[in-house]
């Protein structure tokens, strides 16, 4: 580990995403937050302000790297240049956790501005597991894989998403990043029980939790929820988070807020609420 850095391990406490509009406030005030998570691709450069701020904060806080562009579910070849940049960032920052998505976002070399779900079939499972194994071998460390939010389902899907995610973890040795907001959004859009989804995920595989805000949209076919990360966590998601804590216990928990960013204090307040629920879970268990 680099000199003058706190340990890399992400504590089982609430953290926030590191976003550019908050750089100045964070470096000036060094708030009492347990850890930060960053989108890996934003720090692939060899220098510049983002990387300088990240390295400065890394001296005082653990950091998790959360990828959004590797497109593990794609049928394109794995992007070796992307992997090389990610490995260099891992070596430079020494993150406590590295995560990606159960999703795809590219085809024939063209990248889409969204994380799209997979068809949950045996063929897709074998393909995705192979890609996770290749990535873990290249990086020399385990990944966490996050459940997606989704708005459409494939007619060919034959495996429930939670079962698919569990199989990925068991076959590859990866962990699970359980996005509670994504579970709620997808459950609302597709009509399944969010609590049953959470209850079906084996405790031993879950190593991190995400919380975020969503947006309601009216369509010709009815209301859908969009995983926009631009609002406070909804009360219904806080309730599902409480159920998740009851099952998994306190885990590293991130407040995601990526657009329409509030002032830093509002984001820290969301993290404090998450931490209170985690503390209450420990008190109840005692």
Protein backbone atom coordinates (compact mmCIF):
# COMPACT_ATOMS: atom_id res chain seq x y z
CA UNK A 1 0.00 0.00 0.00
CA UNK A 2 1.21 3.50 -0.79
CA UNK A 3 2.64 5.46 2.13
CA UNK A 4 0.34 7.81 4.07
CA UNK A 5 -2.89 6.11 3.00
CA UNK A 6 -5.64 4.72 5.17
CA UNK A 7 -6.27 0.97 4.67
CA UNK A 8 -8.12 -0.03 1.50
CA UNK A 9 -10.87 -2.09 3.18
CA UNK A 10 -14.35 -0.63 2.72
CA UNK A 11 -16.09 -0.53 6.12
CA UNK A 12 -19.64 -1.73 6.68
CA UNK A 13 -20.83 1.85 6.84
CA UNK A 14 -22.50 4.38 4.53
CA UNK A 15 -20.52 6.09 1.77
CA UNK A 16 -21.20 8.49 -1.08
CA UNK A 17 -20.23 8.78 -4.72
CA UNK A 18 -17.40 11.20 -5.52
CA UNK A 19 -18.69 13.66 -8.14
CA UNK A 20 -16.91 16.65 -9.71
CA UNK A 21 -19.25 19.41 -8.42
CA UNK A 22 -18.32 18.39 -4.87
CA UNK A 23 -14.53 18.25 -5.34
CA UNK A 24 -13.84 21.64 -3.78
CA UNK A 25 -16.11 21.15 -0.77
CA UNK A 26 -14.80 17.66 -0.09
CA UNK A 27 -11.12 18.54 -0.26
CA UNK A 28 -11.68 21.64 1.88
CA UNK A 29 -13.85 20.10 4.60
CA UNK A 30 -12.90 16.38 4.69
CA UNK A 31 -16.38 15.41 5.98
CA UNK A 32 -17.00 12.54 8.36
CA UNK A 33 -17.97 10.02 5.69
CA UNK A 34 -16.70 6.45 5.78
CA UNK A 35 -15.74 5.95 2.12
CA UNK A 36 -16.20 7.06 -1.48
CA UNK A 37 -17.13 5.25 -4.66
CA UNK A 38 -16.15 6.49 -8.12
CA UNK A 39 -17.02 5.51 -11.66
CA UNK A 40 -13.79 3.92 -12.84
CA UNK A 41 -13.91 5.31 -16.36
CA UNK A 42 -13.86 8.91 -15.10
CA UNK A 43 -10.32 8.35 -13.83
CA UNK A 44 -8.67 6.52 -16.73
CA UNK A 45 -6.56 9.54 -17.69
CA UNK A 46 -2.87 9.80 -16.84
CA UNK A 47 -3.36 13.07 -14.96
CA UNK A 48 -5.65 16.06 -14.55
CA UNK A 49 -7.84 17.37 -11.76
CA UNK A 50 -10.14 14.33 -11.31
CA UNK A 51 -7.25 11.94 -10.69
CA UNK A 52 -5.43 14.46 -8.48
CA UNK A 53 -8.54 14.91 -6.31
CA UNK A 54 -9.11 11.16 -6.11
CA UNK A 55 -5.53 10.52 -5.01
CA UNK A 56 -5.73 13.32 -2.44
CA UNK A 57 -8.92 11.92 -0.93
CA UNK A 58 -7.62 8.35 -1.11
CA UNK A 59 -5.03 9.32 1.50
CA UNK A 60 -7.85 9.84 4.02
CA UNK A 61 -10.67 7.56 2.84
CA UNK A 62 -11.12 4.05 1.41
CA UNK A 63 -12.32 4.06 -2.20
CA UNK A 64 -14.39 1.63 -4.28
CA UNK A 65 -14.20 1.50 -8.09
CA UNK A 66 -17.53 1.02 -9.86
CA UNK A 67 -17.36 0.37 -13.61
CA UNK A 68 -20.08 1.33 -16.07
CA UNK A 69 -18.41 0.71 -19.44
CA UNK A 70 -16.89 -2.78 -19.58
CA UNK A 71 -20.07 -4.27 -21.11
CA UNK A 72 -19.52 -7.71 -19.63
CA UNK A 73 -22.71 -9.09 -21.17
CA UNK A 74 -21.87 -8.05 -24.74
CA UNK A 75 -20.96 -10.53 -27.47
CA UNK A 76 -18.15 -8.17 -28.54
CA UNK A 77 -14.65 -9.16 -27.51
CA UNK A 78 -13.66 -7.87 -24.09
CA UNK A 79 -12.05 -4.46 -24.53
CA UNK A 80 -8.43 -5.12 -23.60
CA UNK A 81 -7.54 -1.42 -23.62
CA UNK A 82 -10.36 -0.77 -21.16
CA UNK A 83 -9.15 -3.62 -18.97
CA UNK A 84 -5.56 -2.35 -19.05
CA UNK A 85 -6.68 1.11 -17.97
CA UNK A 86 -8.78 -0.40 -15.20
CA UNK A 87 -5.87 -2.51 -13.96
CA UNK A 88 -3.61 0.56 -13.88
CA UNK A 89 -6.23 2.47 -11.89
CA UNK A 90 -6.61 -0.44 -9.46
CA UNK A 91 -2.84 -0.48 -8.93
CA UNK A 92 -2.73 3.29 -8.50
CA UNK A 93 -5.70 3.76 -6.15
CA UNK A 94 -5.73 0.44 -4.27
CA UNK A 95 -9.53 0.24 -4.01
CA UNK A 96 -11.29 -1.81 -1.40
CA UNK A 97 -13.85 -3.11 -3.92
CA UNK A 98 -14.15 -3.25 -7.72
CA UNK A 99 -17.58 -3.74 -9.28
CA UNK A 100 -19.38 -3.98 -12.61
CA UNK A 101 -22.90 -4.72 -13.86
CA UNK A 102 -24.98 -7.69 -14.92
CA UNK A 103 -25.60 -5.91 -18.21
CA UNK A 104 -24.33 -5.08 -21.69
CA UNK A 105 -23.91 -1.70 -23.38
CA UNK A 106 -22.09 -2.31 -26.66
CA UNK A 107 -22.53 -4.24 -29.90
CA UNK A 108 -20.25 -4.35 -32.95
CA UNK A 109 -17.99 -1.81 -31.26
CA UNK A 110 -20.76 0.74 -30.81
CA UNK A 111 -21.48 1.84 -27.26
CA UNK A 112 -24.97 2.69 -26.02
CA UNK A 113 -25.74 5.22 -23.33
CA UNK A 114 -27.43 2.71 -21.06
CA UNK A 115 -26.88 -0.53 -19.17
CA UNK A 116 -29.14 -3.11 -20.81
CA UNK A 117 -30.30 -6.40 -19.27
CA UNK A 118 -29.37 -9.84 -20.54
CA UNK A 119 -31.69 -12.62 -21.66
CA UNK A 120 -31.60 -14.94 -18.66
CA UNK A 121 -30.81 -18.21 -20.44
CA UNK A 122 -28.26 -20.97 -19.88
CA UNK A 123 -26.30 -19.78 -22.92
CA UNK A 124 -26.15 -16.20 -21.60
CA UNK A 125 -25.19 -17.49 -18.15
CA UNK A 126 -22.23 -19.45 -19.53
CA UNK A 127 -21.15 -16.47 -21.63
CA UNK A 128 -21.39 -13.98 -18.77
CA UNK A 129 -19.57 -16.25 -16.32
CA UNK A 130 -16.73 -16.73 -18.81
CA UNK A 131 -16.38 -12.95 -19.16
CA UNK A 132 -16.36 -12.42 -15.40
CA UNK A 133 -13.67 -15.08 -15.01
CA UNK A 134 -11.55 -13.51 -17.77
CA UNK A 135 -11.85 -10.09 -16.16
CA UNK A 136 -10.99 -11.37 -12.69
CA UNK A 137 -7.99 -13.23 -14.06
CA UNK A 138 -6.78 -10.12 -15.90
CA UNK A 139 -7.17 -7.83 -12.88
CA UNK A 140 -5.91 -10.39 -10.40
CA UNK A 141 -8.83 -9.77 -8.04
CA UNK A 142 -12.52 -10.50 -7.48
CA UNK A 143 -15.33 -8.43 -8.91
CA UNK A 144 -18.69 -7.59 -7.43
CA UNK A 145 -21.53 -7.81 -9.96
CA UNK A 146 -24.55 -5.50 -9.60
CA UNK A 147 -28.13 -6.39 -10.47
CA UNK A 148 -29.53 -4.03 -13.15
CA UNK A 149 -32.69 -1.96 -13.32
CA UNK A 150 -34.80 -2.87 -16.34
CA UNK A 151 -37.84 -1.74 -18.27
CA UNK A 152 -38.36 -4.65 -20.67
CA UNK A 153 -37.93 -8.41 -20.36
CA UNK A 154 -36.82 -10.98 -22.94
CA UNK A 155 -39.35 -13.57 -24.05
CA UNK A 156 -36.53 -16.15 -24.09
CA UNK A 157 -35.59 -15.65 -20.42
CA UNK A 158 -36.09 -18.84 -18.41
CA UNK A 159 -34.04 -18.12 -15.26
CA UNK A 160 -35.24 -15.61 -12.63
CA UNK A 161 -32.80 -12.71 -12.37
CA UNK A 162 -31.92 -13.38 -8.74
CA UNK A 163 -31.18 -17.03 -9.54
CA UNK A 164 -29.07 -15.97 -12.53
CA UNK A 165 -27.05 -13.60 -10.34
CA UNK A 166 -26.59 -16.29 -7.68
CA UNK A 167 -25.32 -18.74 -10.32
CA UNK A 168 -22.81 -16.17 -11.59
CA UNK A 169 -21.43 -15.75 -8.07
CA UNK A 170 -21.25 -19.50 -7.43
CA UNK A 171 -19.61 -20.35 -10.75
CA UNK A 172 -17.05 -17.52 -10.85
CA UNK A 173 -16.35 -16.76 -7.20
CA UNK A 174 -17.38 -13.12 -7.67
CA UNK A 175 -19.44 -11.25 -5.10
CA UNK A 176 -22.78 -9.47 -5.48
CA UNK A 177 -23.42 -5.75 -5.26
CA UNK A 178 -27.11 -5.64 -4.37
CA UNK A 179 -28.68 -2.44 -5.69
CA UNK A 180 -31.83 -2.16 -3.59
CA UNK A 181 -33.19 0.67 -5.71
CA UNK A 182 -32.74 -1.41 -8.87
CA UNK A 183 -34.61 -4.31 -7.27
CA UNK A 184 -37.51 -1.99 -6.40
CA UNK A 185 -37.57 -0.33 -9.84
CA UNK A 186 -37.52 -3.63 -11.73
CA UNK A 187 -40.07 -5.22 -9.40
CA UNK A 188 -42.46 -2.32 -9.97
CA UNK A 189 -41.94 -2.41 -13.74
CA UNK A 190 -42.31 -6.17 -14.13
CA UNK A 191 -44.70 -7.03 -11.31
CA UNK A 192 -42.56 -9.31 -9.17
CA UNK A 193 -42.13 -9.18 -5.37
CA UNK A 194 -39.06 -7.12 -4.42
CA UNK A 195 -38.88 -8.69 -0.95
CA UNK A 196 -38.88 -12.22 -2.37
CA UNK A 197 -36.06 -11.19 -4.72
CA UNK A 198 -33.97 -10.01 -1.76
CA UNK A 199 -34.81 -13.12 0.26
CA UNK A 200 -33.64 -15.37 -2.61
CA UNK A 201 -30.10 -13.95 -2.73
CA UNK A 202 -27.69 -16.02 -0.59
CA UNK A 203 -26.29 -13.99 2.29
CA UNK A 204 -22.73 -15.20 1.70
CA UNK A 205 -22.49 -13.58 -1.74
CA UNK A 206 -23.61 -10.00 -0.98
CA UNK A 207 -20.77 -7.60 -0.13
CA UNK A 208 -22.12 -4.14 -0.94
CA UNK A 209 -25.45 -2.33 -1.23
CA UNK A 210 -26.48 0.63 -3.41
CA UNK A 211 -29.30 3.07 -2.71
CA UNK A 212 -30.52 5.76 -5.12
CA UNK A 213 -33.50 7.78 -6.28
CA UNK A 214 -35.82 7.01 -9.20
CA UNK A 215 -38.27 8.89 -11.40
CA UNK A 216 -41.88 7.95 -12.19
CA UNK A 217 -42.91 8.22 -15.84
CA UNK A 218 -46.35 7.81 -17.42
CA UNK A 219 -46.49 5.86 -20.68
CA UNK A 220 -49.28 4.63 -22.93
CA UNK A 221 -49.04 1.26 -21.15
CA UNK A 222 -49.00 2.71 -17.65
CA UNK A 223 -46.50 4.04 -15.15
CA UNK A 224 -42.90 2.89 -15.15
CA UNK A 225 -40.02 3.72 -12.81
CA UNK A 226 -36.72 4.95 -14.25
CA UNK A 227 -33.45 4.49 -12.37
CA UNK A 228 -32.34 8.12 -12.74
CA UNK A 229 -30.10 8.63 -9.67
CA UNK A 230 -31.28 12.25 -9.52
CA UNK A 231 -33.41 12.38 -6.38
CA UNK A 232 -33.45 11.36 -2.72
CA UNK A 233 -33.96 7.70 -1.91
CA UNK A 234 -37.71 6.94 -1.95
CA UNK A 235 -39.46 5.84 1.23
CA UNK A 236 -40.37 2.53 -0.41
CA UNK A 237 -36.68 1.89 -1.10
CA UNK A 238 -35.72 2.78 2.47
CA UNK A 239 -38.25 0.15 3.57
CA UNK A 240 -36.72 -2.46 1.27
CA UNK A 241 -33.27 -1.48 2.54
CA UNK A 242 -34.43 -2.22 6.09
CA UNK A 243 -35.52 -5.68 4.95
CA UNK A 244 -32.16 -6.21 3.25
CA UNK A 245 -30.33 -5.21 6.44
CA UNK A 246 -32.44 -7.72 8.33
CA UNK A 247 -31.24 -10.44 5.96
CA UNK A 248 -27.63 -9.49 5.22
CA UNK A 249 -26.71 -7.32 8.19
CA UNK A 250 -24.86 -4.01 7.78
CA UNK A 251 -22.68 -3.88 4.66
CA UNK A 252 -20.83 -1.11 2.80
CA UNK A 253 -23.77 0.97 1.57
CA UNK A 254 -23.51 3.65 -1.09
CA UNK A 255 -25.80 6.60 -1.75
CA UNK A 256 -25.77 7.06 -5.56
CA UNK A 257 -26.68 10.50 -6.88
CA UNK A 258 -25.34 11.16 -10.39
CA UNK A 259 -27.38 13.99 -11.94
CA UNK A 260 -29.27 17.06 -10.70
CA UNK A 261 -26.76 16.95 -7.88
CA UNK A 262 -27.73 18.63 -4.61
CA UNK A 263 -25.34 20.49 -2.34
CA UNK A 264 -22.91 18.20 -0.57
CA UNK A 265 -24.73 18.46 2.76
CA UNK A 266 -27.91 16.98 1.24
CA UNK A 267 -25.95 13.97 0.00
CA UNK A 268 -24.27 13.55 3.37
CA UNK A 269 -27.71 13.69 5.02
CA UNK A 270 -28.86 10.74 2.89
CA UNK A 271 -25.76 8.81 3.98
CA UNK A 272 -26.48 9.63 7.62
CA UNK A 273 -29.99 8.24 7.26
CA UNK A 274 -28.59 5.02 5.78
CA UNK A 275 -26.12 4.83 8.65
CA UNK A 276 -28.88 5.27 11.23
CA UNK A 277 -30.74 2.31 9.73
CA UNK A 278 -27.56 0.24 9.81
CA UNK A 279 -26.91 1.19 13.44
CA UNK A 280 -30.51 0.31 14.36
CA UNK A 281 -30.04 -3.08 12.71
CA UNK A 282 -27.03 -3.75 14.95
CA UNK A 283 -28.90 -2.60 18.05
CA UNK A 284 -31.83 -4.88 17.22
CA UNK A 285 -29.50 -7.83 16.63
CA UNK A 286 -27.83 -7.22 20.00
